Amino acid sequence: MYQADNTTVRQDQHGNAARSGAPVTRTEVIDTIAHAFDAPSATPDDLVAAARGSHARAEVVDLLSRLPGRRYVRPQDMWNDLPDVPIGD
């Protein structure tokens, strides 16, 4: 984490800069939780734990914590419940 232009910047697991306050994208979500789908399915709690374990931004954790209490078999299944999350760059 470092400061740039008075904005907090964190590096994701791939070394990419992610500005705090920037919109959460599907790409960012998948980058932080893909390993949660190594199991047959994942609950929102599993996804939140995976995001925290990947040091995801608070905005990503908050987004995942708002998912309904059901199981997701693959990452694409989440987008039905999160239709407004943009794909990303």
Protein backbone atom coordinates (compact mmCIF):
# COMPACT_ATOMS: atom_id res chain seq x y z
CA MET A 1 0.00 0.00 0.00
CA TYR A 2 1.28 3.49 -0.80
CA GLN A 3 0.03 7.04 -1.25
CA ALA A 4 -0.30 8.68 -4.66
CA ASP A 5 -1.93 12.07 -5.14
CA ASN A 6 -3.51 11.82 -1.64
CA THR A 7 -5.30 8.62 -2.71
CA THR A 8 -4.52 5.32 -1.04
CA VAL A 9 -3.28 2.80 -3.57
CA ARG A 10 -3.00 -0.91 -2.85
CA GLN A 11 -1.43 -3.52 -4.98
CA ASP A 12 -3.48 -6.62 -5.71
CA GLN A 13 -2.04 -10.14 -5.69
CA HIS A 14 -0.75 -9.56 -9.23
CA GLY A 15 1.00 -6.31 -8.34
CA ASN A 16 -1.63 -4.15 -10.05
CA ALA A 17 -2.55 -0.88 -8.38
CA ALA A 18 -6.13 -0.63 -7.10
CA ARG A 19 -7.23 2.76 -5.81
CA SER A 20 -9.42 2.71 -2.75
CA GLY A 21 -12.82 4.11 -3.64
CA ALA A 22 -12.61 2.96 -7.26
CA PRO A 23 -15.63 0.95 -8.44
CA VAL A 24 -15.43 -2.78 -7.79
CA THR A 25 -15.28 -4.75 -11.02
CA ARG A 26 -15.99 -8.37 -11.84
CA THR A 27 -12.35 -8.80 -12.76
CA GLU A 28 -11.25 -7.61 -9.32
CA VAL A 29 -13.77 -9.87 -7.58
CA ILE A 30 -12.67 -12.95 -9.52
CA ASP A 31 -9.00 -12.13 -8.91
CA THR A 32 -9.62 -12.24 -5.17
CA ILE A 33 -11.99 -15.21 -4.84
CA ALA A 34 -11.33 -17.62 -7.73
CA HIS A 35 -9.69 -20.12 -5.39
CA ALA A 36 -12.95 -20.37 -3.38
CA PHE A 37 -14.37 -22.31 -6.32
CA ASP A 38 -11.83 -25.10 -5.92
CA ALA A 39 -14.57 -26.60 -3.72
CA PRO A 40 -17.76 -27.95 -5.34
CA SER A 41 -19.62 -24.76 -4.35
CA ALA A 42 -19.16 -21.63 -2.27
CA THR A 43 -21.45 -19.69 0.06
CA PRO A 44 -21.26 -15.92 0.52
CA ASP A 45 -19.37 -16.56 3.77
CA ASP A 46 -16.84 -18.68 1.84
CA LEU A 47 -16.44 -15.89 -0.71
CA VAL A 48 -15.98 -13.22 1.97
CA ALA A 49 -13.35 -15.39 3.69
CA ALA A 50 -11.56 -15.92 0.37
CA ALA A 51 -11.60 -12.19 -0.36
CA ARG A 52 -10.24 -11.35 3.08
CA GLY A 53 -7.57 -14.03 2.70
CA SER A 54 -6.54 -12.40 -0.57
CA HIS A 55 -6.37 -8.98 1.10
CA ALA A 56 -9.18 -7.64 -1.07
CA ARG A 57 -10.31 -4.07 -0.72
CA ALA A 58 -13.04 -3.43 1.83
CA GLU A 59 -15.40 -2.56 -1.03
CA VAL A 60 -15.03 -6.08 -2.46
CA VAL A 61 -15.66 -7.71 0.92
CA ASP A 62 -18.72 -5.50 1.44
CA LEU A 63 -20.08 -6.39 -2.01
CA LEU A 64 -19.68 -10.12 -1.38
CA SER A 65 -21.23 -9.89 2.08
CA ARG A 66 -24.44 -8.60 0.46
CA LEU A 67 -24.93 -11.75 -1.63
CA PRO A 68 -28.01 -13.81 -0.74
CA GLY A 69 -27.44 -16.92 1.35
CA ARG A 70 -27.17 -19.53 -1.36
CA ARG A 71 -24.46 -21.66 -2.89
CA TYR A 72 -22.57 -20.66 -6.01
CA VAL A 73 -21.17 -23.44 -8.15
CA ARG A 74 -19.12 -21.20 -10.43
CA PRO A 75 -18.13 -17.53 -10.34
CA GLN A 76 -20.49 -16.64 -13.19
CA ASP A 77 -23.45 -17.58 -10.99
CA MET A 78 -22.80 -14.53 -8.79
CA TRP A 79 -23.48 -12.03 -11.56
CA ASN A 80 -27.22 -12.82 -11.52
CA ASP A 81 -27.22 -11.43 -7.97
CA LEU A 82 -24.76 -8.63 -8.78
CA PRO A 83 -25.91 -7.40 -12.20
CA ASP A 84 -24.64 -3.83 -11.75
CA VAL A 85 -21.00 -4.77 -11.17
CA PRO A 86 -19.04 -3.73 -14.27
CA ILE A 87 -16.69 -6.17 -16.01
CA GLY A 88 -13.58 -4.04 -15.62
CA ASP A 89 -10.67 -2.87 -17.71
